[in-house]
Structure formats: C-alpha cells, structure tokens
N, C-alpha and C. Protein backbone atom coordinates (compact mmCIF):
# COMPACT_ATOMS: atom_id res chain seq x y z
N MET A 1 0.83 -1.19 0.00
CA MET A 1 0.00 0.00 0.00
C MET A 1 0.87 1.25 0.00
N ASP A 2 1.92 1.22 -0.78
CA ASP A 2 2.78 2.38 -0.96
C ASP A 2 2.14 3.25 -2.03
N TYR A 3 1.82 4.47 -1.70
CA TYR A 3 1.12 5.33 -2.65
C TYR A 3 2.04 6.26 -3.40
N SER A 4 3.32 5.95 -3.40
CA SER A 4 4.24 6.68 -4.27
C SER A 4 4.16 6.03 -5.65
N ASN A 5 4.96 6.52 -6.56
CA ASN A 5 4.94 5.97 -7.92
C ASN A 5 5.57 4.60 -8.02
N GLU A 6 6.30 4.21 -7.00
CA GLU A 6 6.98 2.92 -7.05
C GLU A 6 6.29 1.95 -6.09
N HIS A 7 5.80 0.87 -6.63
CA HIS A 7 5.14 -0.16 -5.83
C HIS A 7 6.09 -1.35 -5.71
N ALA A 8 7.24 -1.12 -5.09
CA ALA A 8 8.32 -2.11 -5.10
C ALA A 8 8.00 -3.35 -4.29
N GLU A 9 7.52 -3.19 -3.05
CA GLU A 9 7.31 -4.38 -2.23
C GLU A 9 5.95 -4.32 -1.55
N ARG A 10 5.43 -5.49 -1.28
CA ARG A 10 4.13 -5.59 -0.63
C ARG A 10 4.30 -5.46 0.87
N LEU A 11 3.31 -4.89 1.51
CA LEU A 11 3.32 -4.76 2.96
C LEU A 11 2.78 -6.03 3.59
N SER A 12 3.19 -6.27 4.82
CA SER A 12 2.62 -7.39 5.56
C SER A 12 1.20 -7.02 5.95
N GLY A 13 0.45 -7.99 6.38
CA GLY A 13 -0.92 -7.74 6.81
C GLY A 13 -1.00 -6.74 7.94
N ALA A 14 -0.09 -6.85 8.90
CA ALA A 14 -0.08 -5.93 10.04
C ALA A 14 0.25 -4.51 9.59
N GLU A 15 1.22 -4.37 8.67
CA GLU A 15 1.59 -3.04 8.16
C GLU A 15 0.43 -2.43 7.38
N CYS A 16 -0.21 -3.24 6.58
CA CYS A 16 -1.35 -2.78 5.80
C CYS A 16 -2.48 -2.32 6.72
N ASN A 17 -2.79 -3.13 7.74
CA ASN A 17 -3.84 -2.76 8.68
C ASN A 17 -3.49 -1.48 9.44
N SER A 18 -2.22 -1.32 9.76
CA SER A 18 -1.77 -0.10 10.44
C SER A 18 -2.00 1.12 9.56
N LYS A 19 -1.64 1.01 8.28
CA LYS A 19 -1.83 2.13 7.35
C LYS A 19 -3.32 2.40 7.12
N LEU A 20 -4.10 1.35 7.01
CA LEU A 20 -5.55 1.54 6.85
C LEU A 20 -6.15 2.20 8.08
N GLY A 21 -5.64 1.85 9.25
CA GLY A 21 -6.11 2.49 10.48
C GLY A 21 -5.77 3.98 10.50
N ALA A 22 -4.57 4.32 10.05
CA ALA A 22 -4.16 5.72 9.99
C ALA A 22 -5.02 6.51 9.00
N ILE A 23 -5.31 5.89 7.85
CA ILE A 23 -6.17 6.54 6.86
C ILE A 23 -7.56 6.73 7.45
N GLY A 24 -8.06 5.72 8.12
CA GLY A 24 -9.37 5.83 8.76
C GLY A 24 -9.41 6.96 9.79
N ASP A 25 -8.35 7.07 10.60
CA ASP A 25 -8.28 8.15 11.58
C ASP A 25 -8.32 9.51 10.90
N ALA A 26 -7.54 9.65 9.84
CA ALA A 26 -7.49 10.93 9.12
C ALA A 26 -8.85 11.27 8.52
N LEU A 27 -9.48 10.30 7.89
CA LEU A 27 -10.80 10.55 7.29
C LEU A 27 -11.85 10.87 8.34
N TYR A 28 -11.74 10.25 9.51
CA TYR A 28 -12.68 10.54 10.59
C TYR A 28 -12.57 12.00 11.02
N VAL A 29 -11.34 12.49 11.11
CA VAL A 29 -11.11 13.84 11.62
C VAL A 29 -11.44 14.91 10.58
N ILE A 30 -11.05 14.71 9.32
CA ILE A 30 -11.25 15.76 8.31
C ILE A 30 -12.30 15.41 7.27
N GLY A 31 -12.87 14.22 7.37
CA GLY A 31 -13.82 13.78 6.36
C GLY A 31 -15.16 14.47 6.48
N GLY A 32 -16.04 14.10 5.63
CA GLY A 32 -17.37 14.67 5.63
C GLY A 32 -17.44 15.86 4.69
N LYS A 33 -18.61 16.40 4.61
CA LYS A 33 -18.90 17.45 3.64
C LYS A 33 -18.39 18.82 4.08
N TRP A 34 -18.28 19.05 5.38
CA TRP A 34 -18.11 20.42 5.86
C TRP A 34 -16.78 20.77 6.50
N ARG A 35 -16.07 19.85 7.09
CA ARG A 35 -14.91 20.21 7.92
C ARG A 35 -13.82 20.94 7.16
N LEU A 36 -13.44 20.45 6.01
CA LEU A 36 -12.40 21.16 5.25
C LEU A 36 -12.89 22.51 4.76
N ARG A 37 -14.17 22.61 4.45
CA ARG A 37 -14.73 23.90 4.03
C ARG A 37 -14.69 24.90 5.18
N ILE A 38 -14.94 24.44 6.38
CA ILE A 38 -14.86 25.32 7.55
C ILE A 38 -13.42 25.78 7.74
N ILE A 39 -12.47 24.88 7.63
CA ILE A 39 -11.06 25.24 7.78
C ILE A 39 -10.66 26.26 6.72
N VAL A 40 -11.10 26.06 5.48
CA VAL A 40 -10.80 27.02 4.42
C VAL A 40 -11.42 28.37 4.73
N ALA A 41 -12.67 28.39 5.20
CA ALA A 41 -13.33 29.65 5.55
C ALA A 41 -12.59 30.37 6.67
N LEU A 42 -12.11 29.63 7.64
CA LEU A 42 -11.32 30.25 8.71
C LEU A 42 -9.99 30.78 8.17
N THR A 43 -9.41 30.07 7.24
CA THR A 43 -8.16 30.52 6.62
C THR A 43 -8.38 31.82 5.86
N GLU A 44 -9.55 31.96 5.26
CA GLU A 44 -9.86 33.14 4.45
C GLU A 44 -10.34 34.31 5.28
N GLY A 45 -10.35 34.18 6.60
CA GLY A 45 -10.63 35.33 7.44
C GLY A 45 -11.91 35.30 8.24
N GLY A 46 -12.75 34.33 8.02
CA GLY A 46 -13.96 34.23 8.84
C GLY A 46 -13.60 33.88 10.27
N THR A 47 -14.17 34.57 11.22
CA THR A 47 -13.85 34.27 12.61
C THR A 47 -15.08 34.04 13.47
N ARG A 48 -16.17 34.65 13.11
CA ARG A 48 -17.39 34.53 13.92
C ARG A 48 -18.36 33.57 13.26
N PHE A 49 -19.23 33.02 14.09
CA PHE A 49 -20.16 31.99 13.66
C PHE A 49 -20.95 32.43 12.42
N ASN A 50 -21.59 33.60 12.49
CA ASN A 50 -22.41 34.04 11.36
C ASN A 50 -21.59 34.31 10.11
N GLU A 51 -20.37 34.80 10.28
CA GLU A 51 -19.49 34.99 9.12
C GLU A 51 -19.21 33.64 8.45
N LEU A 52 -18.90 32.67 9.27
CA LEU A 52 -18.61 31.33 8.73
C LEU A 52 -19.82 30.77 8.01
N GLN A 53 -20.99 30.96 8.60
CA GLN A 53 -22.19 30.42 7.97
C GLN A 53 -22.45 31.09 6.62
N ARG A 54 -22.19 32.39 6.52
CA ARG A 54 -22.36 33.08 5.23
C ARG A 54 -21.32 32.62 4.21
N MET A 55 -20.13 32.28 4.67
CA MET A 55 -19.05 31.88 3.76
C MET A 55 -19.21 30.46 3.24
N ILE A 56 -20.03 29.65 3.92
CA ILE A 56 -20.17 28.24 3.55
C ILE A 56 -21.63 28.00 3.14
N PRO A 57 -21.94 28.17 1.87
CA PRO A 57 -23.33 28.01 1.43
C PRO A 57 -23.88 26.62 1.74
N GLY A 58 -25.09 26.59 2.25
CA GLY A 58 -25.79 25.33 2.48
C GLY A 58 -25.61 24.72 3.85
N ILE A 59 -24.72 25.24 4.69
CA ILE A 59 -24.52 24.64 6.00
C ILE A 59 -25.53 25.24 6.98
N SER A 60 -26.17 24.38 7.75
CA SER A 60 -27.15 24.84 8.73
C SER A 60 -26.43 25.26 10.01
N PRO A 61 -27.06 26.10 10.82
CA PRO A 61 -26.43 26.51 12.08
C PRO A 61 -26.10 25.32 12.98
N ARG A 62 -26.99 24.34 13.04
CA ARG A 62 -26.76 23.17 13.90
C ARG A 62 -25.54 22.37 13.44
N VAL A 63 -25.45 22.15 12.13
CA VAL A 63 -24.32 21.39 11.59
C VAL A 63 -23.02 22.17 11.79
N LEU A 64 -23.04 23.48 11.53
CA LEU A 64 -21.84 24.30 11.73
C LEU A 64 -21.39 24.23 13.18
N SER A 65 -22.32 24.35 14.10
CA SER A 65 -21.99 24.28 15.53
C SER A 65 -21.35 22.95 15.88
N ASN A 66 -21.94 21.86 15.42
CA ASN A 66 -21.39 20.52 15.70
C ASN A 66 -20.02 20.33 15.09
N GLU A 67 -19.84 20.78 13.86
CA GLU A 67 -18.55 20.62 13.18
C GLU A 67 -17.47 21.48 13.85
N LEU A 68 -17.82 22.68 14.29
CA LEU A 68 -16.85 23.52 15.00
C LEU A 68 -16.41 22.85 16.30
N LYS A 69 -17.36 22.23 17.00
CA LYS A 69 -17.01 21.52 18.24
C LYS A 69 -16.05 20.37 17.95
N GLU A 70 -16.31 19.60 16.90
CA GLU A 70 -15.43 18.49 16.54
C GLU A 70 -14.03 18.98 16.15
N LEU A 71 -13.98 20.06 15.39
CA LEU A 71 -12.67 20.61 15.01
C LEU A 71 -11.91 21.13 16.22
N GLU A 72 -12.63 21.69 17.18
CA GLU A 72 -11.99 22.15 18.42
C GLU A 72 -11.47 20.97 19.23
N ILE A 73 -12.28 19.93 19.36
CA ILE A 73 -11.87 18.73 20.11
C ILE A 73 -10.61 18.13 19.50
N ASN A 74 -10.51 18.16 18.18
CA ASN A 74 -9.36 17.57 17.49
C ASN A 74 -8.18 18.52 17.35
N GLY A 75 -8.27 19.69 17.94
CA GLY A 75 -7.13 20.60 18.01
C GLY A 75 -6.89 21.47 16.80
N PHE A 76 -7.88 21.60 15.91
CA PHE A 76 -7.69 22.40 14.71
C PHE A 76 -8.08 23.85 14.89
N LEU A 77 -8.87 24.15 15.90
CA LEU A 77 -9.26 25.53 16.13
C LEU A 77 -9.48 25.78 17.62
N THR A 78 -9.47 27.06 17.95
CA THR A 78 -9.80 27.47 19.32
C THR A 78 -11.05 28.32 19.27
N ARG A 79 -11.76 28.29 20.36
CA ARG A 79 -13.01 29.04 20.50
C ARG A 79 -12.78 30.05 21.61
N ASN A 80 -13.00 31.33 21.29
CA ASN A 80 -12.78 32.39 22.26
C ASN A 80 -14.09 33.15 22.45
N VAL A 81 -14.59 33.15 23.70
CA VAL A 81 -15.83 33.84 24.01
C VAL A 81 -15.48 35.21 24.57
N LEU A 82 -15.96 36.26 23.90
CA LEU A 82 -15.73 37.63 24.34
C LEU A 82 -16.95 38.10 25.13
N ALA A 83 -16.72 38.68 26.28
CA ALA A 83 -17.80 39.05 27.20
C ALA A 83 -18.43 40.39 26.82
N ASP A 84 -18.66 40.59 25.55
CA ASP A 84 -19.35 41.79 25.10
C ASP A 84 -20.85 41.58 25.24
N THR A 85 -21.61 42.63 24.97
CA THR A 85 -23.06 42.48 24.92
C THR A 85 -23.47 42.80 23.50
N PRO A 86 -23.98 41.91 22.73
CA PRO A 86 -24.18 40.50 23.05
C PRO A 86 -22.84 39.75 23.07
N VAL A 87 -22.89 38.55 23.63
CA VAL A 87 -21.70 37.72 23.70
C VAL A 87 -21.22 37.40 22.29
N VAL A 88 -19.93 37.52 22.08
CA VAL A 88 -19.34 37.25 20.77
C VAL A 88 -18.41 36.05 20.90
N VAL A 89 -18.55 35.11 19.97
CA VAL A 89 -17.68 33.93 19.94
C VAL A 89 -16.86 34.00 18.66
N GLU A 90 -15.54 33.93 18.84
CA GLU A 90 -14.64 33.93 17.69
C GLU A 90 -13.91 32.61 17.62
N TYR A 91 -13.65 32.17 16.40
CA TYR A 91 -12.93 30.93 16.16
C TYR A 91 -11.63 31.26 15.44
N LYS A 92 -10.59 30.55 15.79
CA LYS A 92 -9.28 30.80 15.19
C LYS A 92 -8.58 29.47 14.98
N LEU A 93 -7.95 29.32 13.82
CA LEU A 93 -7.20 28.10 13.55
C LEU A 93 -5.97 28.03 14.45
N THR A 94 -5.63 26.83 14.86
CA THR A 94 -4.43 26.61 15.68
C THR A 94 -3.23 26.39 14.76
N GLU A 95 -2.07 26.42 15.36
CA GLU A 95 -0.85 26.11 14.62
C GLU A 95 -0.91 24.66 14.09
N TYR A 96 -1.53 23.78 14.87
CA TYR A 96 -1.66 22.37 14.47
C TYR A 96 -2.44 22.24 13.16
N SER A 97 -3.39 23.12 12.93
CA SER A 97 -4.17 23.04 11.69
C SER A 97 -3.29 23.19 10.46
N ARG A 98 -2.13 23.83 10.60
CA ARG A 98 -1.21 24.00 9.47
C ARG A 98 -0.67 22.66 8.99
N THR A 99 -0.74 21.63 9.83
CA THR A 99 -0.28 20.31 9.40
C THR A 99 -1.15 19.76 8.26
N LEU A 100 -2.31 20.36 8.05
CA LEU A 100 -3.20 19.94 6.96
C LEU A 100 -2.82 20.58 5.63
N ASP A 101 -1.93 21.56 5.62
CA ASP A 101 -1.58 22.25 4.38
C ASP A 101 -1.16 21.29 3.27
N PRO A 102 -0.24 20.35 3.52
CA PRO A 102 0.13 19.44 2.42
C PRO A 102 -1.03 18.52 2.00
N VAL A 103 -1.87 18.16 2.95
CA VAL A 103 -3.04 17.32 2.64
C VAL A 103 -4.00 18.10 1.75
N MET A 104 -4.26 19.35 2.12
CA MET A 104 -5.17 20.19 1.33
C MET A 104 -4.60 20.39 -0.08
N GLY A 105 -3.29 20.64 -0.17
CA GLY A 105 -2.66 20.82 -1.47
C GLY A 105 -2.80 19.57 -2.33
N ALA A 106 -2.58 18.41 -1.73
CA ALA A 106 -2.70 17.15 -2.46
C ALA A 106 -4.14 16.91 -2.90
N LEU A 107 -5.10 17.24 -2.05
CA LEU A 107 -6.51 17.06 -2.40
C LEU A 107 -6.92 17.99 -3.54
N VAL A 108 -6.45 19.23 -3.51
CA VAL A 108 -6.75 20.16 -4.60
C VAL A 108 -6.17 19.64 -5.91
N GLU A 109 -4.91 19.24 -5.86
CA GLU A 109 -4.23 18.74 -7.06
C GLU A 109 -4.96 17.51 -7.62
N TRP A 110 -5.29 16.56 -6.74
CA TRP A 110 -5.97 15.36 -7.20
C TRP A 110 -7.37 15.69 -7.71
N GLY A 111 -8.09 16.56 -7.01
CA GLY A 111 -9.44 16.93 -7.44
C GLY A 111 -9.46 17.58 -8.81
N GLU A 112 -8.50 18.47 -9.07
CA GLU A 112 -8.41 19.11 -10.38
C GLU A 112 -8.10 18.08 -11.47
N MET A 113 -7.17 17.17 -11.17
CA MET A 113 -6.81 16.13 -12.13
C MET A 113 -8.00 15.22 -12.40
N HIS A 114 -8.71 14.85 -11.35
CA HIS A 114 -9.86 13.95 -11.51
C HIS A 114 -10.98 14.63 -12.31
N ARG A 115 -11.25 15.89 -12.02
CA ARG A 115 -12.29 16.61 -12.75
C ARG A 115 -11.94 16.67 -14.24
N ALA A 116 -10.68 16.96 -14.55
CA ALA A 116 -10.24 17.01 -15.95
C ALA A 116 -10.39 15.64 -16.62
N LYS A 117 -10.05 14.57 -15.90
CA LYS A 117 -10.17 13.21 -16.45
C LYS A 117 -11.63 12.88 -16.76
N ILE A 118 -12.52 13.21 -15.83
CA ILE A 118 -13.94 12.91 -16.03
C ILE A 118 -14.48 13.69 -17.23
N ARG A 119 -14.10 14.95 -17.34
CA ARG A 119 -14.54 15.75 -18.49
C ARG A 119 -14.01 15.17 -19.79
N GLN A 120 -12.75 14.76 -19.79
CA GLN A 120 -12.15 14.17 -20.99
C GLN A 120 -12.85 12.86 -21.33
N ASP A 121 -13.12 12.02 -20.34
CA ASP A 121 -13.82 10.76 -20.57
C ASP A 121 -15.21 11.01 -21.13
N ASP A 122 -15.90 12.04 -20.61
CA ASP A 122 -17.23 12.37 -21.10
C ASP A 122 -17.18 12.80 -22.56
N ARG A 123 -16.16 13.60 -22.92
CA ARG A 123 -16.00 14.03 -24.31
C ARG A 123 -15.78 12.83 -25.23
N LYS A 124 -14.94 11.90 -24.78
CA LYS A 124 -14.66 10.71 -25.61
C LYS A 124 -15.92 9.89 -25.83
N LYS A 125 -16.77 9.82 -24.80
CA LYS A 125 -18.02 9.06 -24.92
C LYS A 125 -18.98 9.76 -25.87
N LEU A 126 -18.92 11.10 -25.88
CA LEU A 126 -19.87 11.85 -26.71
C LEU A 126 -19.41 11.98 -28.17
N GLU A 127 -18.12 11.83 -28.44
CA GLU A 127 -17.61 11.97 -29.81
C GLU A 127 -18.30 11.04 -30.80
N PRO A 128 -18.42 9.74 -30.52
CA PRO A 128 -19.11 8.87 -31.49
C PRO A 128 -20.57 9.27 -31.70
N ILE A 129 -21.21 9.72 -30.66
CA ILE A 129 -22.60 10.14 -30.78
C ILE A 129 -22.69 11.38 -31.67
N ALA A 130 -21.78 12.33 -31.46
CA ALA A 130 -21.77 13.55 -32.27
C ALA A 130 -21.50 13.23 -33.73
N GLN A 131 -20.60 12.29 -33.99
CA GLN A 131 -20.29 11.92 -35.37
C GLN A 131 -21.49 11.26 -36.03
N GLU A 132 -22.25 10.44 -35.30
CA GLU A 132 -23.45 9.81 -35.85
C GLU A 132 -24.48 10.85 -36.21
N VAL A 133 -24.62 11.86 -35.37
CA VAL A 133 -25.60 12.92 -35.62
C VAL A 133 -25.22 13.69 -36.87
N LEU A 134 -23.93 13.91 -37.08
CA LEU A 134 -23.47 14.66 -38.24
C LEU A 134 -23.61 13.88 -39.54
N LEU A 135 -23.65 12.55 -39.46
CA LEU A 135 -23.76 11.74 -40.69
C LEU A 135 -25.12 11.71 -41.24
C-alpha cells in the first residue's frame, strides 16, 4: 500500500492494517462534507459563527456548531468567548491546523486532475454520438 509511484514491495498484513487504520483516523477527523470547508473559511478570514455560515453556502447553524465543536476537540481551532453584549464567539485556527496544508494541497491537485479526467472521458463518450448525428 505504498502510494508513491513505485510499488516495489508488498506490505505485511499488520503493516497494511496499520496504514488503513491511519487513513481511517485521518478521514474521521477531516472527512465529511463540511470540515475542510470550515477550515478554508477560517483561513480566508472568517472568525465569527455568522461569518462562517455566510461563507459556507448550504450549512445549517446546527451542523456548523457541531462541526466547530469536533474541530476544536481535534485541536484544529480554538473558541474564544468575548464578554461583550451580546456575547461574541470567535474561532481561530491553531498552529496544528497547518499540518493539513500538504493534505489540502494534495486534495486540490488530485481533485483538479480527476475533474479534468472525467470531463475528458465524457467528451470521448460523446464523440461517437456527435459523429453519428453529423452523418
């Protein structure tokens, strides 16, 4: 389960299970529809709950609240309650959240490549149909 370009040797069952466990842990923490979007919104300057909700189309207040709690529990952000009237809650990414930078970069790169592949595959499928229509 070596994901580099070279698949030189096979892993033992224990090594494979260990890597699958690590992948599962990572997907548990950052997976789902909203968590990476919340991290990106915080990176782009959103700090307060309502700002984040406006920056992430389609997320409900309940889901945003739950996802923020999970991200806080996992050490990706801090929650700061300001004793103003009304009470203001600000969220800020932690230094630990920067460990996701290479992951985010790899996901962007792969997503762009995959989208291009799907579009190219769709064009190839449509070419014979277009040629039949022209005949």
